[in-house]
PDB file of all heavy atoms in Angstrom:
ATOM      1  N   THR A   1       3.330  -5.566  -2.834  1.00  0.00           N
ATOM      2  CA  THR A   1       4.160  -6.758  -2.859  1.00  0.00           C
ATOM      3  C   THR A   1       5.279  -6.657  -1.835  1.00  0.00           C
ATOM      4  O   THR A   1       5.460  -5.635  -1.170  1.00  0.00           O
ATOM      5  CB  THR A   1       4.766  -6.972  -4.252  1.00  0.00           C
ATOM      6  OG1 THR A   1       5.680  -5.902  -4.537  1.00  0.00           O
ATOM      7  CG2 THR A   1       3.685  -7.016  -5.321  1.00  0.00           C
ATOM      8  N   SER A   2       6.070  -7.741  -1.731  1.00  0.00           N
ATOM      9  CA  SER A   2       7.189  -7.762  -0.798  1.00  0.00           C
ATOM     10  C   SER A   2       8.259  -6.732  -1.154  1.00  0.00           C
ATOM     11  O   SER A   2       8.984  -6.277  -0.264  1.00  0.00           O
ATOM     12  CB  SER A   2       7.808  -9.156  -0.729  1.00  0.00           C
ATOM     13  OG  SER A   2       8.287  -9.570  -1.996  1.00  0.00           O
ATOM     14  N   ASP A   3       8.378  -6.370  -2.439  1.00  0.00           N
ATOM     15  CA  ASP A   3       9.330  -5.331  -2.838  1.00  0.00           C
ATOM     16  C   ASP A   3       8.662  -3.961  -2.949  1.00  0.00           C
ATOM     17  O   ASP A   3       9.207  -3.043  -3.566  1.00  0.00           O
ATOM     18  CB  ASP A   3      10.048  -5.698  -4.135  1.00  0.00           C
ATOM     19  CG  ASP A   3       9.126  -5.781  -5.339  1.00  0.00           C
ATOM     20  OD1 ASP A   3       7.896  -5.709  -5.164  1.00  0.00           O
ATOM     21  OD2 ASP A   3       9.641  -5.923  -6.461  1.00  0.00           O
ATOM     22  N   GLU A   4       7.454  -3.822  -2.390  1.00  0.00           N
ATOM     23  CA  GLU A   4       6.736  -2.553  -2.229  1.00  0.00           C
ATOM     24  C   GLU A   4       6.212  -1.973  -3.540  1.00  0.00           C
ATOM     25  O   GLU A   4       6.067  -0.751  -3.670  1.00  0.00           O
ATOM     26  CB  GLU A   4       7.598  -1.542  -1.475  1.00  0.00           C
ATOM     27  CG  GLU A   4       8.007  -2.034  -0.100  1.00  0.00           C
ATOM     28  CD  GLU A   4       8.604  -0.966   0.776  1.00  0.00           C
ATOM     29  OE1 GLU A   4       8.547   0.224   0.417  1.00  0.00           O
ATOM     30  OE2 GLU A   4       9.133  -1.321   1.846  1.00  0.00           O
ATOM     31  N   THR A   5       5.908  -2.842  -4.510  1.00  0.00           N
ATOM     32  CA  THR A   5       5.183  -2.412  -5.697  1.00  0.00           C
ATOM     33  C   THR A   5       3.693  -2.345  -5.363  1.00  0.00           C
ATOM     34  O   THR A   5       3.108  -3.336  -4.931  1.00  0.00           O
ATOM     35  CB  THR A   5       5.408  -3.376  -6.860  1.00  0.00           C
ATOM     36  OG1 THR A   5       6.800  -3.406  -7.193  1.00  0.00           O
ATOM     37  CG2 THR A   5       4.617  -2.937  -8.088  1.00  0.00           C
ATOM     38  N   ALA A   6       3.067  -1.188  -5.573  1.00  0.00           N
ATOM     39  CA  ALA A   6       1.677  -0.969  -5.188  1.00  0.00           C
ATOM     40  C   ALA A   6       0.763  -0.860  -6.402  1.00  0.00           C
ATOM     41  O   ALA A   6       1.154  -0.310  -7.439  1.00  0.00           O
ATOM     42  CB  ALA A   6       1.557   0.298  -4.350  1.00  0.00           C
ATOM     43  N   ASN A   7      -0.454  -1.378  -6.280  1.00  0.00           N
ATOM     44  CA  ASN A   7      -1.491  -1.266  -7.301  1.00  0.00           C
ATOM     45  C   ASN A   7      -2.807  -0.896  -6.640  1.00  0.00           C
ATOM     46  O   ASN A   7      -3.061  -1.269  -5.494  1.00  0.00           O
ATOM     47  CB  ASN A   7      -1.652  -2.573  -8.076  1.00  0.00           C
ATOM     48  CG  ASN A   7      -0.441  -2.917  -8.916  1.00  0.00           C
ATOM     49  OD1 ASN A   7       0.383  -3.738  -8.523  1.00  0.00           O
ATOM     50  ND2 ASN A   7      -0.335  -2.266 -10.074  1.00  0.00           N
ATOM     51  N   TYR A   8      -3.672  -0.185  -7.396  1.00  0.00           N
ATOM     52  CA  TYR A   8      -4.932   0.313  -6.868  1.00  0.00           C
ATOM     53  C   TYR A   8      -6.057   0.125  -7.876  1.00  0.00           C
ATOM     54  O   TYR A   8      -5.836   0.172  -9.092  1.00  0.00           O
ATOM     55  CB  TYR A   8      -4.840   1.808  -6.543  1.00  0.00           C
ATOM     56  CG  TYR A   8      -3.722   2.168  -5.601  1.00  0.00           C
ATOM     57  CD1 TYR A   8      -2.461   2.493  -6.082  1.00  0.00           C
ATOM     58  CD2 TYR A   8      -3.930   2.182  -4.229  1.00  0.00           C
ATOM     59  CE1 TYR A   8      -1.430   2.820  -5.221  1.00  0.00           C
ATOM     60  CE2 TYR A   8      -2.906   2.511  -3.358  1.00  0.00           C
ATOM     61  CZ  TYR A   8      -1.660   2.829  -3.859  1.00  0.00           C
ATOM     62  OH  TYR A   8      -0.644   3.160  -2.996  1.00  0.00           O
ATOM     63  N   VAL A   9      -7.263  -0.044  -7.364  1.00  0.00           N
ATOM     64  CA  VAL A   9      -8.425  -0.009  -8.225  1.00  0.00           C
ATOM     65  C   VAL A   9      -8.581   1.425  -8.756  1.00  0.00           C
ATOM     66  O   VAL A   9      -8.226   2.393  -8.068  1.00  0.00           O
ATOM     67  CB  VAL A   9      -9.685  -0.476  -7.464  1.00  0.00           C
ATOM     68  CG1 VAL A   9     -10.072   0.514  -6.377  1.00  0.00           C
ATOM     69  CG2 VAL A   9     -10.838  -0.739  -8.410  1.00  0.00           C
ATOM     70  N   ASP A  10      -9.074   1.558  -9.997  1.00  0.00           N
ATOM     71  CA  ASP A  10      -9.108   2.867 -10.648  1.00  0.00           C
ATOM     72  C   ASP A  10      -9.846   3.928  -9.829  1.00  0.00           C
ATOM     73  O   ASP A  10      -9.457   5.101  -9.833  1.00  0.00           O
ATOM     74  CB  ASP A  10      -9.754   2.760 -12.028  1.00  0.00           C
ATOM     75  CG  ASP A  10      -8.856   2.108 -13.056  1.00  0.00           C
ATOM     76  OD1 ASP A  10      -7.644   1.985 -12.809  1.00  0.00           O
ATOM     77  OD2 ASP A  10      -9.373   1.719 -14.123  1.00  0.00           O
ATOM     78  N   SER A  11     -10.892   3.546  -9.124  1.00  0.00           N
ATOM     79  CA  SER A  11     -11.724   4.509  -8.419  1.00  0.00           C
ATOM     80  C   SER A  11     -11.017   5.203  -7.257  1.00  0.00           C
ATOM     81  O   SER A  11     -11.495   6.235  -6.781  1.00  0.00           O
ATOM     82  CB  SER A  11     -13.000   3.837  -7.909  1.00  0.00           C
ATOM     83  OG  SER A  11     -12.699   2.792  -7.012  1.00  0.00           O
ATOM     84  N   VAL A  12      -9.880   4.666  -6.782  1.00  0.00           N
ATOM     85  CA  VAL A  12      -9.181   5.277  -5.652  1.00  0.00           C
ATOM     86  C   VAL A  12      -7.810   5.814  -6.020  1.00  0.00           C
ATOM     87  O   VAL A  12      -7.136   6.406  -5.162  1.00  0.00           O
ATOM     88  CB  VAL A  12      -9.044   4.299  -4.463  1.00  0.00           C
ATOM     89  CG1 VAL A  12     -10.389   3.692  -4.110  1.00  0.00           C
ATOM     90  CG2 VAL A  12      -8.010   3.209  -4.754  1.00  0.00           C
ATOM     91  N   LYS A  13      -7.374   5.654  -7.264  1.00  0.00           N
ATOM     92  CA  LYS A  13      -6.062   6.141  -7.677  1.00  0.00           C
ATOM     93  C   LYS A  13      -5.953   7.646  -7.475  1.00  0.00           C
ATOM     94  O   LYS A  13      -6.850   8.396  -7.836  1.00  0.00           O
ATOM     95  CB  LYS A  13      -5.789   5.783  -9.143  1.00  0.00           C
ATOM     96  CG  LYS A  13      -5.499   4.316  -9.373  1.00  0.00           C
ATOM     97  CD  LYS A  13      -5.226   4.018 -10.843  1.00  0.00           C
ATOM     98  CE  LYS A  13      -4.908   2.554 -11.054  1.00  0.00           C
ATOM     99  NZ  LYS A  13      -4.713   2.223 -12.492  1.00  0.00           N
ATOM    100  N   GLY A  14      -4.843   8.070  -6.889  1.00  0.00           N
ATOM    101  CA  GLY A  14      -4.634   9.475  -6.598  1.00  0.00           C
ATOM    102  C   GLY A  14      -5.200   9.917  -5.272  1.00  0.00           C
ATOM    103  O   GLY A  14      -4.911  11.035  -4.826  1.00  0.00           O
ATOM    104  N   ARG A  15      -6.011   9.075  -4.618  1.00  0.00           N
ATOM    105  CA  ARG A  15      -6.616   9.422  -3.331  1.00  0.00           C
ATOM    106  C   ARG A  15      -6.131   8.525  -2.191  1.00  0.00           C
ATOM    107  O   ARG A  15      -5.987   8.990  -1.065  1.00  0.00           O
ATOM    108  CB  ARG A  15      -8.137   9.338  -3.413  1.00  0.00           C
ATOM    109  CG  ARG A  15      -8.755  10.266  -4.452  1.00  0.00           C
ATOM    110  CD  ARG A  15     -10.279  10.291  -4.350  1.00  0.00           C
ATOM    111  NE  ARG A  15     -10.865   8.980  -4.640  1.00  0.00           N
ATOM    112  CZ  ARG A  15     -11.618   8.288  -3.780  1.00  0.00           C
ATOM    113  NH1 ARG A  15     -11.882   8.781  -2.574  1.00  0.00           N
ATOM    114  NH2 ARG A  15     -12.124   7.108  -4.126  1.00  0.00           N
ATOM    115  N   PHE A  16      -5.898   7.237  -2.475  1.00  0.00           N
ATOM    116  CA  PHE A  16      -5.500   6.266  -1.452  1.00  0.00           C
ATOM    117  C   PHE A  16      -4.035   5.881  -1.647  1.00  0.00           C
ATOM    118  O   PHE A  16      -3.544   5.815  -2.785  1.00  0.00           O
ATOM    119  CB  PHE A  16      -6.338   4.994  -1.536  1.00  0.00           C
ATOM    120  CG  PHE A  16      -7.785   5.137  -1.130  1.00  0.00           C
ATOM    121  CD1 PHE A  16      -8.365   6.374  -0.919  1.00  0.00           C
ATOM    122  CD2 PHE A  16      -8.563   4.001  -0.961  1.00  0.00           C
ATOM    123  CE1 PHE A  16      -9.693   6.499  -0.554  1.00  0.00           C
ATOM    124  CE2 PHE A  16      -9.892   4.100  -0.595  1.00  0.00           C
ATOM    125  CZ  PHE A  16     -10.461   5.356  -0.390  1.00  0.00           C
ATOM    126  N   THR A  17      -3.346   5.570  -0.539  1.00  0.00           N
ATOM    127  CA  THR A  17      -1.971   5.102  -0.575  1.00  0.00           C
ATOM    128  C   THR A  17      -1.806   3.931   0.387  1.00  0.00           C
ATOM    129  O   THR A  17      -2.142   4.050   1.569  1.00  0.00           O
ATOM    130  CB  THR A  17      -0.979   6.209  -0.190  1.00  0.00           C
ATOM    131  OG1 THR A  17      -1.134   7.328  -1.066  1.00  0.00           O
ATOM    132  CG2 THR A  17       0.454   5.695  -0.297  1.00  0.00           C
ATOM    133  N   ILE A  18      -1.290   2.805  -0.116  1.00  0.00           N
ATOM    134  CA  ILE A  18      -0.993   1.655   0.721  1.00  0.00           C
ATOM    135  C   ILE A  18       0.500   1.655   1.040  1.00  0.00           C
ATOM    136  O   ILE A  18       1.324   1.990   0.189  1.00  0.00           O
ATOM    137  CB  ILE A  18      -1.417   0.328   0.043  1.00  0.00           C
ATOM    138  CG1 ILE A  18      -1.253  -0.863   0.999  1.00  0.00           C
ATOM    139  CG2 ILE A  18      -0.656   0.098  -1.258  1.00  0.00           C
ATOM    140  CD1 ILE A  18      -1.853  -2.163   0.463  1.00  0.00           C
ATOM    141  N   SER A  19       0.859   1.287   2.271  1.00  0.00           N
ATOM    142  CA  SER A  19       2.256   1.205   2.679  1.00  0.00           C
ATOM    143  C   SER A  19       2.412   0.097   3.707  1.00  0.00           C
ATOM    144  O   SER A  19       1.432  -0.360   4.291  1.00  0.00           O
ATOM    145  CB  SER A  19       2.751   2.542   3.240  1.00  0.00           C
ATOM    146  OG  SER A  19       2.009   2.925   4.380  1.00  0.00           O
ATOM    147  N   ARG A  20       3.655  -0.341   3.928  1.00  0.00           N
ATOM    148  CA  ARG A  20       3.903  -1.425   4.874  1.00  0.00           C
ATOM    149  C   ARG A  20       5.092  -1.114   5.755  1.00  0.00           C
ATOM    150  O   ARG A  20       6.016  -0.385   5.360  1.00  0.00           O
ATOM    151  CB  ARG A  20       4.126  -2.757   4.128  1.00  0.00           C
ATOM    152  CG  ARG A  20       5.359  -2.785   3.234  1.00  0.00           C
ATOM    153  CD  ARG A  20       5.373  -4.042   2.358  1.00  0.00           C
ATOM    154  NE  ARG A  20       5.479  -5.254   3.154  1.00  0.00           N
ATOM    155  CZ  ARG A  20       5.130  -6.473   2.727  1.00  0.00           C
ATOM    156  NH1 ARG A  20       4.623  -6.627   1.508  1.00  0.00           N
ATOM    157  NH2 ARG A  20       5.273  -7.523   3.529  1.00  0.00           N
ATOM    158  N   ASP A  21       5.082  -1.675   6.967  1.00  0.00           N
ATOM    159  CA  ASP A  21       6.171  -1.551   7.922  1.00  0.00           C
ATOM    160  C   ASP A  21       6.525  -2.964   8.366  1.00  0.00           C
ATOM    161  O   ASP A  21       5.854  -3.547   9.216  1.00  0.00           O
ATOM    162  CB  ASP A  21       5.752  -0.686   9.111  1.00  0.00           C
ATOM    163  CG  ASP A  21       6.881  -0.454  10.098  1.00  0.00           C
ATOM    164  OD1 ASP A  21       7.890  -1.173  10.061  1.00  0.00           O
ATOM    165  OD2 ASP A  21       6.749   0.473  10.923  1.00  0.00           O
ATOM    166  N   ASN A  22       7.595  -3.525   7.783  1.00  0.00           N
ATOM    167  CA  ASN A  22       7.956  -4.909   8.055  1.00  0.00           C
ATOM    168  C   ASN A  22       8.516  -5.112   9.462  1.00  0.00           C
ATOM    169  O   ASN A  22       8.490  -6.233   9.970  1.00  0.00           O
ATOM    170  CB  ASN A  22       8.972  -5.397   7.021  1.00  0.00           C
ATOM    171  CG  ASN A  22       8.388  -5.506   5.629  1.00  0.00           C
ATOM    172  OD1 ASN A  22       7.192  -5.710   5.460  1.00  0.00           O
ATOM    173  ND2 ASN A  22       9.247  -5.369   4.622  1.00  0.00           N
ATOM    174  N   TYR A  23       9.009  -4.047  10.089  1.00  0.00           N
ATOM    175  CA  TYR A  23       9.535  -4.161  11.445  1.00  0.00           C
ATOM    176  C   TYR A  23       8.424  -4.321  12.469  1.00  0.00           C
ATOM    177  O   TYR A  23       8.658  -4.862  13.548  1.00  0.00           O
ATOM    178  CB  TYR A  23      10.386  -2.944  11.798  1.00  0.00           C
ATOM    179  CG  TYR A  23      11.639  -2.822  10.972  1.00  0.00           C
ATOM    180  CD1 TYR A  23      11.686  -1.989   9.860  1.00  0.00           C
ATOM    181  CD2 TYR A  23      12.775  -3.549  11.294  1.00  0.00           C
ATOM    182  CE1 TYR A  23      12.832  -1.886   9.095  1.00  0.00           C
ATOM    183  CE2 TYR A  23      13.925  -3.448  10.532  1.00  0.00           C
ATOM    184  CZ  TYR A  23      13.947  -2.618   9.437  1.00  0.00           C
ATOM    185  OH  TYR A  23      15.096  -2.516   8.675  1.00  0.00           O
ATOM    186  N   ARG A  24       7.224  -3.851  12.130  1.00  0.00           N
ATOM    187  CA  ARG A  24       6.084  -3.916  13.046  1.00  0.00           C
ATOM    188  C   ARG A  24       4.984  -4.851  12.559  1.00  0.00           C
ATOM    189  O   ARG A  24       3.912  -4.899  13.164  1.00  0.00           O
ATOM    190  CB  ARG A  24       5.525  -2.517  13.277  1.00  0.00           C
ATOM    191  CG  ARG A  24       6.497  -1.584  13.978  1.00  0.00           C
ATOM    192  CD  ARG A  24       5.950  -0.166  14.092  1.00  0.00           C
ATOM    193  NE  ARG A  24       6.818   0.668  14.910  1.00  0.00           N
ATOM    194  CZ  ARG A  24       7.915   1.273  14.467  1.00  0.00           C
ATOM    195  NH1 ARG A  24       8.278   1.161  13.204  1.00  0.00           N
ATOM    196  NH2 ARG A  24       8.648   2.010  15.292  1.00  0.00           N
ATOM    197  N   ASN A  25       5.227  -5.605  11.468  1.00  0.00           N
ATOM    198  CA  ASN A  25       4.225  -6.500  10.881  1.00  0.00           C
ATOM    199  C   ASN A  25       2.914  -5.749  10.637  1.00  0.00           C
ATOM    200  O   ASN A  25       1.833  -6.192  11.038  1.00  0.00           O
ATOM    201  CB  ASN A  25       3.981  -7.714  11.786  1.00  0.00           C
ATOM    202  CG  ASN A  25       5.070  -8.758  11.683  1.00  0.00           C
ATOM    203  OD1 ASN A  25       6.061  -8.592  10.979  1.00  0.00           O
ATOM    204  ND2 ASN A  25       4.882  -9.863  12.401  1.00  0.00           N
ATOM    205  N   ARG A  26       3.006  -4.618   9.935  1.00  0.00           N
ATOM    206  CA  ARG A  26       1.858  -3.728   9.807  1.00  0.00           C
ATOM    207  C   ARG A  26       1.699  -3.218   8.376  1.00  0.00           C
ATOM    208  O   ARG A  26       2.691  -2.987   7.671  1.00  0.00           O
ATOM    209  CB  ARG A  26       2.025  -2.558  10.772  1.00  0.00           C
ATOM    210  CG  ARG A  26       0.797  -1.726  11.018  1.00  0.00           C
ATOM    211  CD  ARG A  26       1.044  -0.797  12.200  1.00  0.00           C
ATOM    212  NE  ARG A  26       1.198  -1.535  13.447  1.00  0.00           N
ATOM    213  CZ  ARG A  26       1.703  -1.025  14.560  1.00  0.00           C
ATOM    214  NH1 ARG A  26       2.133   0.231  14.580  1.00  0.00           N
ATOM    215  NH2 ARG A  26       1.790  -1.763  15.651  1.00  0.00           N
ATOM    216  N   VAL A  27       0.443  -3.042   7.945  1.00  0.00           N
ATOM    217  CA  VAL A  27       0.130  -2.443   6.661  1.00  0.00           C
ATOM    218  C   VAL A  27      -0.877  -1.324   6.898  1.00  0.00           C
ATOM    219  O   VAL A  27      -1.755  -1.444   7.763  1.00  0.00           O
ATOM    220  CB  VAL A  27      -0.400  -3.482   5.642  1.00  0.00           C
ATOM    221  CG1 VAL A  27      -1.676  -4.152   6.149  1.00  0.00           C
ATOM    222  CG2 VAL A  27      -0.619  -2.846   4.279  1.00  0.00           C
ATOM    223  N   TYR A  28      -0.755  -0.224   6.128  1.00  0.00           N
ATOM    224  CA  TYR A  28      -1.593   0.948   6.288  1.00  0.00           C
ATOM    225  C   TYR A  28      -2.339   1.252   4.996  1.00  0.00           C
ATOM    226  O   TYR A  28      -1.901   0.903   3.901  1.00  0.00           O
ATOM    227  CB  TYR A  28      -0.755   2.178   6.643  1.00  0.00           C
ATOM    228  CG  TYR A  28       0.082   2.041   7.884  1.00  0.00           C
ATOM    229  CD1 TYR A  28       1.398   1.608   7.809  1.00  0.00           C
ATOM    230  CD2 TYR A  28      -0.439   2.356   9.135  1.00  0.00           C
ATOM    231  CE1 TYR A  28       2.175   1.492   8.943  1.00  0.00           C
ATOM    232  CE2 TYR A  28       0.337   2.238  10.270  1.00  0.00           C
ATOM    233  CZ  TYR A  28       1.641   1.811  10.174  1.00  0.00           C
ATOM    234  OH  TYR A  28       2.404   1.702  11.313  1.00  0.00           O
ATOM    235  N   LEU A  29      -3.464   1.945   5.125  1.00  0.00           N
ATOM    236  CA  LEU A  29      -4.165   2.512   3.977  1.00  0.00           C
ATOM    237  C   LEU A  29      -4.532   3.950   4.321  1.00  0.00           C
ATOM    238  O   LEU A  29      -5.417   4.184   5.149  1.00  0.00           O
ATOM    239  CB  LEU A  29      -5.419   1.706   3.629  1.00  0.00           C
ATOM    240  CG  LEU A  29      -6.132   2.160   2.352  1.00  0.00           C
ATOM    241  CD1 LEU A  29      -5.265   1.869   1.125  1.00  0.00           C
ATOM    242  CD2 LEU A  29      -7.486   1.470   2.207  1.00  0.00           C
TER     243      LEU A  29
END
């Protein structure tokens, strides 16, 4: 979300991380 609350499907929890960089208009996985 815009306030950086993250959610994941159960199969990837603990393995994947989503993050965002608002200065570069970018999202990572």
